[in-house]
Amino acid sequence: MEVIAKAKYVRRTPRKARIVADAVVGMRVSEALAQLEFSPRHAAADVAKVIKSAAANAEHNYNLSRDDLVVKQLLVDEGPTMKRFRPVSRGMAHQYFHRTSHITAVVEDQPAPVQTRRPERRRRRAVEEAAEQPKPVAEGKAKRAPKAEAKPAPIGEETTAVAEDPVEEVRQDSEAVAEETTDEASETTEGEES
């Protein structure tokens, strides 16, 4: 059930009040009031006053629980503007606008949903099943061979460096190609000198 409260002719600019009002729409009344209490904006006090009034209307007139109330909507409409003048230099006057606003708060009762947790065993079983399923291999891609395990060499025998990592193999190949090209380049420069 929706319950409404209005505050009219509030001496606060509607633009500034809307910034505060938009921040608390959808919250529980207690959470909204707590946030507005610590807000540094001056309009927070005016918005909080209207929310408290709407919550009090719901409790008193409709016997609703304050814990179940949610801020459904906050409307900040423009009220009449008071125009004032202030004298300035050279005999002129500047006009100042003292804007007012009408704040409307709509709260409704929404009981908090009971949160239920899934049993642990179901979650554990789902994780285990996901781990057991093999990952699909895209077509056109070859499967990689498993890495060979490094076996320790017997004592007294010489070991040869074998690259087990594909990146290491590529690096060794590129070094060998680089050496060949430098050898060929040095041979061609020697031939040109003679």
N, C-alpha and C. Protein backbone atom coordinates (compact mmCIF):
# COMPACT_ATOMS: atom_id res chain seq x y z
N MET A 1 0.83 -1.17 0.00
CA MET A 1 0.00 0.00 0.00
C MET A 1 0.89 1.25 0.00
N GLU A 2 0.55 2.19 -0.84
CA GLU A 2 1.32 3.43 -0.95
C GLU A 2 0.78 4.48 0.01
N VAL A 3 1.70 5.17 0.67
CA VAL A 3 1.35 6.24 1.60
C VAL A 3 2.13 7.48 1.17
N ILE A 4 1.45 8.63 1.19
CA ILE A 4 2.03 9.88 0.67
C ILE A 4 2.15 10.92 1.78
N ALA A 5 3.21 11.72 1.69
CA ALA A 5 3.37 12.90 2.55
C ALA A 5 3.92 14.02 1.69
N LYS A 6 3.47 15.26 1.96
CA LYS A 6 3.90 16.41 1.17
C LYS A 6 4.43 17.51 2.07
N ALA A 7 5.44 18.19 1.59
CA ALA A 7 5.94 19.41 2.24
C ALA A 7 5.91 20.49 1.18
N LYS A 8 5.15 21.55 1.43
CA LYS A 8 4.99 22.59 0.42
C LYS A 8 5.72 23.87 0.83
N TYR A 9 6.10 24.61 -0.16
CA TYR A 9 6.76 25.91 0.02
C TYR A 9 8.05 25.79 0.84
N VAL A 10 8.81 24.77 0.59
CA VAL A 10 10.09 24.58 1.28
C VAL A 10 11.10 25.53 0.65
N ARG A 11 11.80 26.31 1.47
CA ARG A 11 12.75 27.30 0.95
C ARG A 11 14.06 26.61 0.56
N ARG A 12 13.98 25.82 -0.47
CA ARG A 12 15.15 25.12 -0.99
C ARG A 12 15.00 25.05 -2.50
N THR A 13 16.06 25.24 -3.23
CA THR A 13 16.01 25.18 -4.69
C THR A 13 15.66 23.76 -5.13
N PRO A 14 14.69 23.60 -6.02
CA PRO A 14 14.30 22.25 -6.45
C PRO A 14 15.45 21.47 -7.07
N ARG A 15 16.31 22.15 -7.79
CA ARG A 15 17.44 21.47 -8.44
C ARG A 15 18.36 20.82 -7.41
N LYS A 16 18.60 21.52 -6.32
CA LYS A 16 19.48 20.99 -5.28
C LYS A 16 18.80 19.89 -4.49
N ALA A 17 17.49 20.02 -4.28
CA ALA A 17 16.75 19.00 -3.53
C ALA A 17 16.62 17.72 -4.34
N ARG A 18 16.54 17.82 -5.66
CA ARG A 18 16.40 16.63 -6.50
C ARG A 18 17.65 15.75 -6.45
N ILE A 19 18.80 16.37 -6.34
CA ILE A 19 20.05 15.61 -6.26
C ILE A 19 20.03 14.69 -5.05
N VAL A 20 19.57 15.23 -3.93
CA VAL A 20 19.50 14.44 -2.69
C VAL A 20 18.41 13.39 -2.79
N ALA A 21 17.25 13.78 -3.35
CA ALA A 21 16.10 12.87 -3.41
C ALA A 21 16.40 11.67 -4.31
N ASP A 22 17.08 11.88 -5.43
CA ASP A 22 17.37 10.78 -6.34
C ASP A 22 18.33 9.76 -5.74
N ALA A 23 19.11 10.18 -4.76
CA ALA A 23 20.09 9.27 -4.17
C ALA A 23 19.46 8.23 -3.25
N VAL A 24 18.24 8.49 -2.73
CA VAL A 24 17.66 7.57 -1.74
C VAL A 24 16.41 6.84 -2.23
N VAL A 25 16.00 7.07 -3.47
CA VAL A 25 14.82 6.37 -3.98
C VAL A 25 15.14 4.88 -4.12
N GLY A 26 14.22 4.03 -3.65
CA GLY A 26 14.40 2.59 -3.72
C GLY A 26 14.98 1.97 -2.46
N MET A 27 15.44 2.80 -1.52
CA MET A 27 16.01 2.28 -0.28
C MET A 27 14.91 2.04 0.75
N ARG A 28 15.23 1.25 1.76
CA ARG A 28 14.36 1.12 2.91
C ARG A 28 14.36 2.45 3.64
N VAL A 29 13.27 2.76 4.35
CA VAL A 29 13.14 4.06 5.01
C VAL A 29 14.26 4.26 6.02
N SER A 30 14.57 3.22 6.79
CA SER A 30 15.63 3.37 7.80
C SER A 30 16.98 3.65 7.15
N GLU A 31 17.27 2.96 6.03
CA GLU A 31 18.55 3.20 5.34
C GLU A 31 18.59 4.59 4.72
N ALA A 32 17.46 5.02 4.15
CA ALA A 32 17.41 6.34 3.53
C ALA A 32 17.63 7.44 4.57
N LEU A 33 16.99 7.31 5.74
CA LEU A 33 17.15 8.31 6.79
C LEU A 33 18.58 8.33 7.31
N ALA A 34 19.20 7.15 7.41
CA ALA A 34 20.60 7.09 7.88
C ALA A 34 21.52 7.78 6.88
N GLN A 35 21.28 7.57 5.60
CA GLN A 35 22.13 8.21 4.59
C GLN A 35 21.93 9.72 4.57
N LEU A 36 20.68 10.15 4.71
CA LEU A 36 20.41 11.59 4.68
C LEU A 36 20.95 12.29 5.92
N GLU A 37 20.99 11.58 7.03
CA GLU A 37 21.49 12.18 8.27
C GLU A 37 22.96 12.58 8.13
N PHE A 38 23.73 11.80 7.39
CA PHE A 38 25.16 12.08 7.25
C PHE A 38 25.51 12.74 5.92
N SER A 39 24.51 13.13 5.17
CA SER A 39 24.77 13.81 3.90
C SER A 39 25.22 15.25 4.17
N PRO A 40 26.22 15.74 3.45
CA PRO A 40 26.68 17.12 3.68
C PRO A 40 25.78 18.18 3.04
N ARG A 41 24.82 17.78 2.24
CA ARG A 41 23.96 18.74 1.54
C ARG A 41 22.85 19.24 2.46
N HIS A 42 22.54 20.52 2.36
CA HIS A 42 21.54 21.12 3.23
C HIS A 42 20.13 20.63 2.92
N ALA A 43 19.89 20.25 1.66
CA ALA A 43 18.55 19.78 1.27
C ALA A 43 18.23 18.43 1.90
N ALA A 44 19.22 17.73 2.43
CA ALA A 44 19.00 16.40 3.02
C ALA A 44 18.05 16.49 4.21
N ALA A 45 18.12 17.56 4.98
CA ALA A 45 17.24 17.71 6.15
C ALA A 45 15.79 17.85 5.71
N ASP A 46 15.54 18.60 4.63
CA ASP A 46 14.17 18.78 4.15
C ASP A 46 13.59 17.48 3.59
N VAL A 47 14.41 16.75 2.84
CA VAL A 47 13.95 15.47 2.26
C VAL A 47 13.71 14.45 3.36
N ALA A 48 14.59 14.42 4.37
CA ALA A 48 14.43 13.47 5.48
C ALA A 48 13.15 13.76 6.26
N LYS A 49 12.83 15.02 6.42
CA LYS A 49 11.62 15.41 7.15
C LYS A 49 10.36 14.87 6.47
N VAL A 50 10.33 14.92 5.14
CA VAL A 50 9.17 14.44 4.40
C VAL A 50 9.09 12.91 4.46
N ILE A 51 10.23 12.23 4.38
CA ILE A 51 10.23 10.77 4.46
C ILE A 51 9.76 10.32 5.84
N LYS A 52 10.21 11.00 6.89
CA LYS A 52 9.75 10.67 8.25
C LYS A 52 8.25 10.85 8.37
N SER A 53 7.74 11.90 7.77
CA SER A 53 6.30 12.17 7.82
C SER A 53 5.51 11.08 7.10
N ALA A 54 6.00 10.65 5.95
CA ALA A 54 5.31 9.58 5.21
C ALA A 54 5.34 8.27 5.99
N ALA A 55 6.47 7.98 6.62
CA ALA A 55 6.58 6.76 7.43
C ALA A 55 5.63 6.82 8.64
N ALA A 56 5.52 7.99 9.27
CA ALA A 56 4.62 8.16 10.41
C ALA A 56 3.16 8.02 9.96
N ASN A 57 2.82 8.55 8.78
CA ASN A 57 1.47 8.37 8.25
C ASN A 57 1.15 6.90 8.04
N ALA A 58 2.11 6.15 7.50
CA ALA A 58 1.89 4.73 7.25
C ALA A 58 1.69 3.96 8.54
N GLU A 59 2.49 4.29 9.56
CA GLU A 59 2.37 3.59 10.85
C GLU A 59 1.04 3.93 11.54
N HIS A 60 0.72 5.21 11.57
CA HIS A 60 -0.45 5.65 12.34
C HIS A 60 -1.77 5.38 11.63
N ASN A 61 -1.83 5.71 10.35
CA ASN A 61 -3.10 5.60 9.63
C ASN A 61 -3.40 4.21 9.09
N TYR A 62 -2.35 3.45 8.74
CA TYR A 62 -2.58 2.16 8.09
C TYR A 62 -1.98 0.98 8.86
N ASN A 63 -1.42 1.22 10.03
CA ASN A 63 -0.84 0.17 10.88
C ASN A 63 0.21 -0.67 10.14
N LEU A 64 1.04 -0.02 9.36
CA LEU A 64 2.12 -0.71 8.65
C LEU A 64 3.38 -0.69 9.50
N SER A 65 4.20 -1.70 9.34
CA SER A 65 5.45 -1.77 10.09
C SER A 65 6.49 -0.86 9.43
N ARG A 66 7.20 -0.08 10.24
CA ARG A 66 8.20 0.85 9.72
C ARG A 66 9.37 0.11 9.08
N ASP A 67 9.65 -1.11 9.54
CA ASP A 67 10.78 -1.87 9.00
C ASP A 67 10.53 -2.35 7.57
N ASP A 68 9.25 -2.47 7.18
CA ASP A 68 8.92 -2.96 5.84
C ASP A 68 8.75 -1.86 4.82
N LEU A 69 8.85 -0.61 5.24
CA LEU A 69 8.59 0.51 4.32
C LEU A 69 9.80 0.80 3.42
N VAL A 70 9.48 1.08 2.16
CA VAL A 70 10.50 1.40 1.16
C VAL A 70 10.12 2.72 0.51
N VAL A 71 11.12 3.57 0.24
CA VAL A 71 10.88 4.84 -0.44
C VAL A 71 10.65 4.52 -1.92
N LYS A 72 9.40 4.62 -2.34
CA LYS A 72 9.07 4.27 -3.72
C LYS A 72 9.35 5.43 -4.67
N GLN A 73 9.01 6.63 -4.24
CA GLN A 73 9.13 7.77 -5.14
C GLN A 73 9.32 9.04 -4.33
N LEU A 74 10.15 9.93 -4.84
CA LEU A 74 10.33 11.26 -4.24
C LEU A 74 10.22 12.29 -5.36
N LEU A 75 9.19 13.10 -5.30
CA LEU A 75 8.98 14.13 -6.30
C LEU A 75 9.38 15.48 -5.72
N VAL A 76 10.14 16.23 -6.47
CA VAL A 76 10.51 17.59 -6.05
C VAL A 76 10.04 18.52 -7.15
N ASP A 77 8.95 19.23 -6.88
CA ASP A 77 8.37 20.14 -7.86
C ASP A 77 8.72 21.59 -7.49
N GLU A 78 8.67 22.45 -8.48
CA GLU A 78 9.01 23.85 -8.25
C GLU A 78 7.81 24.59 -7.68
N GLY A 79 8.05 25.34 -6.62
CA GLY A 79 7.02 26.18 -6.02
C GLY A 79 7.15 27.60 -6.53
N PRO A 80 6.45 28.53 -5.90
CA PRO A 80 6.54 29.93 -6.34
C PRO A 80 7.93 30.50 -6.05
N THR A 81 8.37 31.41 -6.91
CA THR A 81 9.67 32.05 -6.75
C THR A 81 9.48 33.45 -6.21
N MET A 82 10.15 33.76 -5.10
CA MET A 82 10.09 35.11 -4.54
C MET A 82 11.20 35.93 -5.18
N LYS A 83 10.85 37.10 -5.69
CA LYS A 83 11.83 37.93 -6.36
C LYS A 83 12.19 39.10 -5.46
N ARG A 84 13.47 39.29 -5.26
CA ARG A 84 13.94 40.36 -4.41
C ARG A 84 14.98 41.18 -5.16
N PHE A 85 15.17 42.43 -4.73
CA PHE A 85 16.13 43.31 -5.38
C PHE A 85 17.18 43.73 -4.38
N ARG A 86 18.41 43.92 -4.87
CA ARG A 86 19.50 44.38 -4.03
C ARG A 86 20.19 45.53 -4.74
N PRO A 87 20.38 46.64 -4.06
CA PRO A 87 21.03 47.79 -4.73
C PRO A 87 22.50 47.50 -5.00
N VAL A 88 22.96 47.93 -6.16
CA VAL A 88 24.37 47.80 -6.52
C VAL A 88 24.88 49.16 -6.97
N SER A 89 26.10 49.20 -7.45
CA SER A 89 26.73 50.47 -7.80
C SER A 89 26.02 51.18 -8.95
N ARG A 90 26.31 52.48 -9.06
CA ARG A 90 25.79 53.35 -10.12
C ARG A 90 24.27 53.41 -10.14
N GLY A 91 23.65 53.27 -8.97
CA GLY A 91 22.21 53.45 -8.85
C GLY A 91 21.37 52.33 -9.47
N MET A 92 21.99 51.19 -9.72
CA MET A 92 21.24 50.08 -10.31
C MET A 92 20.80 49.10 -9.23
N ALA A 93 20.02 48.11 -9.64
CA ALA A 93 19.58 47.06 -8.72
C ALA A 93 19.63 45.72 -9.45
N HIS A 94 20.10 44.70 -8.72
CA HIS A 94 20.11 43.35 -9.27
C HIS A 94 18.98 42.55 -8.65
N GLN A 95 18.40 41.70 -9.48
CA GLN A 95 17.27 40.90 -9.02
C GLN A 95 17.78 39.54 -8.52
N TYR A 96 17.24 39.07 -7.39
CA TYR A 96 17.59 37.78 -6.81
C TYR A 96 16.34 36.95 -6.72
N PHE A 97 16.49 35.64 -7.01
CA PHE A 97 15.35 34.73 -6.96
C PHE A 97 15.49 33.82 -5.76
N HIS A 98 14.49 33.81 -4.90
CA HIS A 98 14.44 32.87 -3.78
C HIS A 98 13.45 31.79 -4.17
N ARG A 99 13.99 30.68 -4.64
CA ARG A 99 13.12 29.62 -5.15
C ARG A 99 12.60 28.74 -4.03
N THR A 100 11.41 28.20 -4.22
CA THR A 100 10.82 27.27 -3.26
C THR A 100 10.46 25.98 -3.99
N SER A 101 10.21 24.95 -3.22
CA SER A 101 9.89 23.66 -3.83
C SER A 101 8.82 22.94 -3.02
N HIS A 102 8.10 22.05 -3.70
CA HIS A 102 7.13 21.17 -3.06
C HIS A 102 7.70 19.76 -3.14
N ILE A 103 7.92 19.13 -1.98
CA ILE A 103 8.51 17.79 -1.93
C ILE A 103 7.41 16.79 -1.58
N THR A 104 7.28 15.74 -2.39
CA THR A 104 6.29 14.69 -2.15
C THR A 104 7.02 13.37 -2.00
N ALA A 105 6.76 12.67 -0.89
CA ALA A 105 7.38 11.36 -0.64
C ALA A 105 6.30 10.29 -0.70
N VAL A 106 6.59 9.22 -1.42
CA VAL A 106 5.67 8.07 -1.52
C VAL A 106 6.43 6.86 -0.98
N VAL A 107 5.87 6.25 0.07
CA VAL A 107 6.46 5.02 0.63
C VAL A 107 5.45 3.90 0.49
N GLU A 108 5.95 2.67 0.37
CA GLU A 108 5.07 1.51 0.31
C GLU A 108 5.68 0.39 1.12
N ASP A 109 4.84 -0.55 1.54
CA ASP A 109 5.33 -1.65 2.36
C ASP A 109 5.73 -2.80 1.44
N GLN A 110 6.96 -3.23 1.63
CA GLN A 110 7.50 -4.40 0.93
C GLN A 110 8.22 -5.23 1.98
N PRO A 111 7.63 -6.34 2.42
CA PRO A 111 8.32 -7.17 3.41
C PRO A 111 9.65 -7.65 2.85
N ALA A 112 10.63 -7.72 3.71
CA ALA A 112 11.96 -8.17 3.29
C ALA A 112 11.88 -9.62 2.85
N PRO A 113 12.44 -9.95 1.69
CA PRO A 113 12.41 -11.34 1.24
C PRO A 113 13.29 -12.21 2.13
N VAL A 114 12.81 -13.42 2.37
CA VAL A 114 13.57 -14.36 3.18
C VAL A 114 14.67 -14.92 2.30
N GLN A 115 15.90 -14.77 2.74
CA GLN A 115 17.01 -15.25 1.94
C GLN A 115 17.33 -16.68 2.34
N THR A 116 17.28 -17.55 1.34
CA THR A 116 17.61 -18.95 1.58
C THR A 116 18.88 -19.29 0.83
N ARG A 117 19.70 -20.09 1.45
CA ARG A 117 20.95 -20.50 0.82
C ARG A 117 20.82 -21.94 0.36
N ARG A 118 21.44 -22.21 -0.75
CA ARG A 118 21.47 -23.60 -1.21
C ARG A 118 22.38 -24.39 -0.29
N PRO A 119 22.07 -25.66 -0.08
CA PRO A 119 22.96 -26.48 0.74
C PRO A 119 24.36 -26.58 0.13
N GLU A 120 25.33 -26.74 0.98
CA GLU A 120 26.72 -26.78 0.54
C GLU A 120 26.98 -27.95 -0.40
N ARG A 121 26.35 -29.09 -0.14
CA ARG A 121 26.67 -30.27 -0.95
C ARG A 121 26.29 -30.07 -2.41
N ARG A 122 25.21 -29.33 -2.68
CA ARG A 122 24.82 -29.10 -4.06
C ARG A 122 25.86 -28.24 -4.77
N ARG A 123 26.32 -27.22 -4.08
CA ARG A 123 27.33 -26.36 -4.68
C ARG A 123 28.61 -27.13 -4.94
N ARG A 124 29.01 -27.95 -3.99
CA ARG A 124 30.23 -28.72 -4.13
C ARG A 124 30.11 -29.69 -5.29
N ARG A 125 28.94 -30.33 -5.42
CA ARG A 125 28.73 -31.30 -6.50
C ARG A 125 28.79 -30.60 -7.85
N ALA A 126 28.21 -29.41 -7.95
CA ALA A 126 28.24 -28.67 -9.21
C ALA A 126 29.66 -28.31 -9.60
N VAL A 127 30.47 -27.94 -8.64
CA VAL A 127 31.87 -27.59 -8.92
C VAL A 127 32.63 -28.82 -9.37
N GLU A 128 32.39 -29.96 -8.71
CA GLU A 128 33.09 -31.19 -9.09
C GLU A 128 32.69 -31.64 -10.49
N GLU A 129 31.41 -31.54 -10.83
CA GLU A 129 30.97 -31.92 -12.17
C GLU A 129 31.58 -31.03 -13.23
N ALA A 130 31.69 -29.75 -12.94
CA ALA A 130 32.29 -28.83 -13.90
C ALA A 130 33.77 -29.15 -14.10
N ALA A 131 34.44 -29.58 -13.05
CA ALA A 131 35.86 -29.91 -13.15
C ALA A 131 36.07 -31.20 -13.94
N GLU A 132 35.13 -32.15 -13.85
CA GLU A 132 35.27 -33.44 -14.52
C GLU A 132 35.03 -33.33 -16.03
N GLN A 133 34.19 -32.41 -16.46
CA GLN A 133 33.86 -32.30 -17.88
C GLN A 133 35.08 -31.78 -18.64
N PRO A 134 35.42 -32.45 -19.78
CA PRO A 134 36.55 -31.96 -20.57
C PRO A 134 36.17 -30.67 -21.28
N LYS A 135 37.16 -29.82 -21.46
CA LYS A 135 36.92 -28.55 -22.14
C LYS A 135 36.84 -28.81 -23.64
N PRO A 136 35.88 -28.21 -24.34
CA PRO A 136 35.76 -28.43 -25.79
C PRO A 136 36.94 -27.80 -26.53
N VAL A 137 37.43 -28.53 -27.56
CA VAL A 137 38.54 -28.04 -28.37
C VAL A 137 37.96 -27.51 -29.66
N ALA A 138 38.36 -26.32 -30.03
CA ALA A 138 37.85 -25.71 -31.26
C ALA A 138 38.36 -26.48 -32.46
N GLU A 139 37.52 -26.57 -33.50
CA GLU A 139 37.92 -27.29 -34.70
C GLU A 139 39.05 -26.55 -35.38
N GLY A 140 39.97 -27.31 -35.97
CA GLY A 140 41.07 -26.70 -36.69
C GLY A 140 42.29 -26.49 -35.82
N LYS A 141 42.14 -26.57 -34.52
CA LYS A 141 43.27 -26.40 -33.62
C LYS A 141 43.75 -27.78 -33.19
N ALA A 142 45.01 -27.99 -33.28
CA ALA A 142 45.57 -29.28 -32.87
C ALA A 142 45.77 -29.28 -31.37
N LYS A 143 45.65 -30.47 -30.80
CA LYS A 143 45.88 -30.59 -29.36
C LYS A 143 47.38 -30.55 -29.10
N ARG A 144 47.75 -29.90 -28.02
CA ARG A 144 49.15 -29.83 -27.65
C ARG A 144 49.56 -31.11 -26.95
N ALA A 145 50.76 -31.49 -27.20
CA ALA A 145 51.29 -32.68 -26.51
C ALA A 145 51.65 -32.27 -25.10
N PRO A 146 51.45 -33.16 -24.15
CA PRO A 146 51.80 -32.81 -22.77
C PRO A 146 53.30 -32.59 -22.65
N LYS A 147 53.67 -31.71 -21.74
CA LYS A 147 55.09 -31.39 -21.54
C LYS A 147 55.82 -32.60 -20.97
N ALA A 148 57.01 -32.81 -21.47
CA ALA A 148 57.83 -33.92 -20.96
C ALA A 148 58.43 -33.52 -19.63
N GLU A 149 58.42 -34.44 -18.70
CA GLU A 149 58.98 -34.14 -17.39
C GLU A 149 60.50 -34.25 -17.45
N ALA A 150 61.16 -33.35 -16.78
CA ALA A 150 62.63 -33.37 -16.75
C ALA A 150 63.09 -34.45 -15.79
N LYS A 151 63.95 -35.36 -16.32
CA LYS A 151 64.48 -36.43 -15.47
C LYS A 151 65.89 -36.05 -15.06
N PRO A 152 66.22 -36.25 -13.80
CA PRO A 152 67.59 -35.92 -13.39
C PRO A 152 68.59 -36.87 -14.05
N ALA A 153 69.70 -36.32 -14.49
CA ALA A 153 70.74 -37.12 -15.14
C ALA A 153 71.53 -37.87 -14.09
N PRO A 154 71.96 -39.10 -14.43
CA PRO A 154 72.79 -39.86 -13.48
C PRO A 154 74.10 -39.12 -13.23
N ILE A 155 74.66 -39.34 -12.06
CA ILE A 155 75.88 -38.66 -11.66
C ILE A 155 77.03 -39.15 -12.55
N GLY A 156 77.84 -38.22 -13.02
CA GLY A 156 79.00 -38.56 -13.81
C GLY A 156 78.73 -38.47 -15.31
N GLU A 157 77.51 -38.41 -15.75
CA GLU A 157 77.21 -38.31 -17.17
C GLU A 157 76.95 -36.85 -17.52
N GLU A 158 77.35 -36.50 -18.73
CA GLU A 158 77.12 -35.14 -19.18
C GLU A 158 75.67 -35.00 -19.63
N THR A 159 75.13 -33.84 -19.40
CA THR A 159 73.75 -33.60 -19.82
C THR A 159 73.74 -32.63 -20.99
N THR A 160 72.81 -32.84 -21.89
CA THR A 160 72.66 -31.92 -23.02
C THR A 160 71.46 -31.04 -22.73
N ALA A 161 71.56 -29.80 -23.12
CA ALA A 161 70.46 -28.85 -22.87
C ALA A 161 69.33 -29.15 -23.86
N VAL A 162 68.19 -29.51 -23.34
CA VAL A 162 67.02 -29.78 -24.16
C VAL A 162 65.95 -28.77 -23.76
N ALA A 163 65.47 -28.04 -24.71
CA ALA A 163 64.44 -27.04 -24.42
C ALA A 163 63.10 -27.74 -24.31
N GLU A 164 62.52 -27.68 -23.13
CA GLU A 164 61.21 -28.31 -22.93
C GLU A 164 60.08 -27.31 -23.16
N ASP A 165 60.42 -26.07 -23.09
CA ASP A 165 59.42 -25.03 -23.26
C ASP A 165 59.37 -24.61 -24.72
N PRO A 166 58.18 -24.54 -25.35
CA PRO A 166 58.12 -24.12 -26.76
C PRO A 166 58.68 -22.72 -26.98
N VAL A 167 58.53 -21.85 -26.01
CA VAL A 167 59.07 -20.50 -26.15
C VAL A 167 60.59 -20.55 -26.19
N GLU A 168 61.16 -21.42 -25.37
CA GLU A 168 62.61 -21.58 -25.33
C GLU A 168 63.11 -22.13 -26.67
N GLU A 169 62.35 -23.06 -27.26
CA GLU A 169 62.73 -23.62 -28.56
C GLU A 169 62.76 -22.52 -29.62
N VAL A 170 61.74 -21.70 -29.64
CA VAL A 170 61.67 -20.62 -30.62
C VAL A 170 62.83 -19.65 -30.42
N ARG A 171 63.16 -19.36 -29.16
CA ARG A 171 64.26 -18.45 -28.88
C ARG A 171 65.58 -19.03 -29.40
N GLN A 172 65.79 -20.34 -29.15
CA GLN A 172 67.02 -20.98 -29.62
C GLN A 172 67.08 -21.00 -31.14
N ASP A 173 65.94 -21.25 -31.79
CA ASP A 173 65.91 -21.25 -33.25
C ASP A 173 66.24 -19.86 -33.79
N SER A 174 65.66 -18.83 -33.18
CA SER A 174 65.92 -17.48 -33.66
C SER A 174 67.39 -17.09 -33.46
N GLU A 175 68.00 -17.57 -32.37
CA GLU A 175 69.42 -17.29 -32.16
C GLU A 175 70.27 -17.98 -33.22
N ALA A 176 69.90 -19.22 -33.57
CA ALA A 176 70.65 -19.95 -34.59
C ALA A 176 70.53 -19.25 -35.94
N VAL A 177 69.34 -18.80 -36.29
CA VAL A 177 69.15 -18.09 -37.56
C VAL A 177 69.94 -16.80 -37.55
N ALA A 178 69.95 -16.10 -36.41
CA ALA A 178 70.69 -14.85 -36.32
C ALA A 178 72.18 -15.09 -36.50
N GLU A 179 72.71 -16.18 -35.95
CA GLU A 179 74.13 -16.49 -36.11
C GLU A 179 74.46 -16.79 -37.57
N GLU A 180 73.57 -17.56 -38.25
CA GLU A 180 73.81 -17.89 -39.66
C GLU A 180 73.82 -16.63 -40.51
N THR A 181 72.89 -15.74 -40.25
CA THR A 181 72.84 -14.52 -41.07
C THR A 181 74.06 -13.64 -40.82
N THR A 182 74.54 -13.60 -39.58
CA THR A 182 75.74 -12.80 -39.33
C THR A 182 76.96 -13.44 -39.98
N ASP A 183 77.04 -14.79 -40.01
CA ASP A 183 78.16 -15.47 -40.68
C ASP A 183 78.14 -15.18 -42.17
N GLU A 184 76.93 -15.26 -42.80
CA GLU A 184 76.80 -15.00 -44.23
C GLU A 184 77.15 -13.55 -44.53
N ALA A 185 76.72 -12.66 -43.66
CA ALA A 185 77.00 -11.24 -43.88
C ALA A 185 78.49 -10.96 -43.79
N SER A 186 79.17 -11.61 -42.85
CA SER A 186 80.61 -11.39 -42.71
C SER A 186 81.36 -11.98 -43.90
N GLU A 187 80.91 -13.12 -44.47
CA GLU A 187 81.55 -13.72 -45.63
C GLU A 187 81.40 -12.82 -46.85
N THR A 188 80.18 -12.24 -47.02
CA THR A 188 79.97 -11.38 -48.18
C THR A 188 80.80 -10.10 -48.08
N THR A 189 80.97 -9.57 -46.90
CA THR A 189 81.79 -8.34 -46.76
C THR A 189 83.27 -8.66 -46.99
N GLU A 190 83.72 -9.85 -46.58
CA GLU A 190 85.12 -10.23 -46.83
C GLU A 190 85.35 -10.41 -48.32
N GLY A 191 84.35 -10.97 -49.03
CA GLY A 191 84.49 -11.19 -50.47
C GLY A 191 84.52 -9.87 -51.22
N GLU A 192 83.80 -8.88 -50.78
CA GLU A 192 83.76 -7.58 -51.46
C GLU A 192 85.04 -6.80 -51.25
N GLU A 193 85.68 -6.98 -50.08
CA GLU A 193 86.91 -6.25 -49.77
C GLU A 193 88.06 -6.71 -50.66
N SER A 194 88.09 -7.99 -51.00
CA SER A 194 89.22 -8.51 -51.77
C SER A 194 89.08 -8.34 -53.24
